[in-house]
């Protein structure tokens, strides 16, 4: 069973909004911090946003600050990424990550920090 599943991607015009969801199912993670990453065609996967268990501690890459918001509903084991004012350069496959390998941080921003990954959801922003 895939422990992490994303949904909510799609095609949107520049300036529009999308809300991605990520459900961590089938297991209980000892460290519930989660994150979103993205990979555009021809580019390496990059960090987008991360959140700690309480939802208070969050982090964003500079290019999405003020436009994207990460949040979570722990009762549903779900993390959300609200994406507003989308730009064509936001076009990418968005991946949810869970199960940090280490503890002690408010949130985690490196790919190698996470053990579990979703299959990705495509976000396409047209100009």
Foldseek 3Di string as FASTA:
>chain_A
DAQKAKDWADEEAQQAKIKMKIAGDDDDAPFFKKFKWWDDPPGDIFGAKIAGDVQPDMDGDPVQPPFWDWGDDVVRRMIMIIGGSDDQVVWTWMKMFGRFPDDDDRHDGDPNRGDHMYPTDTHGYHD
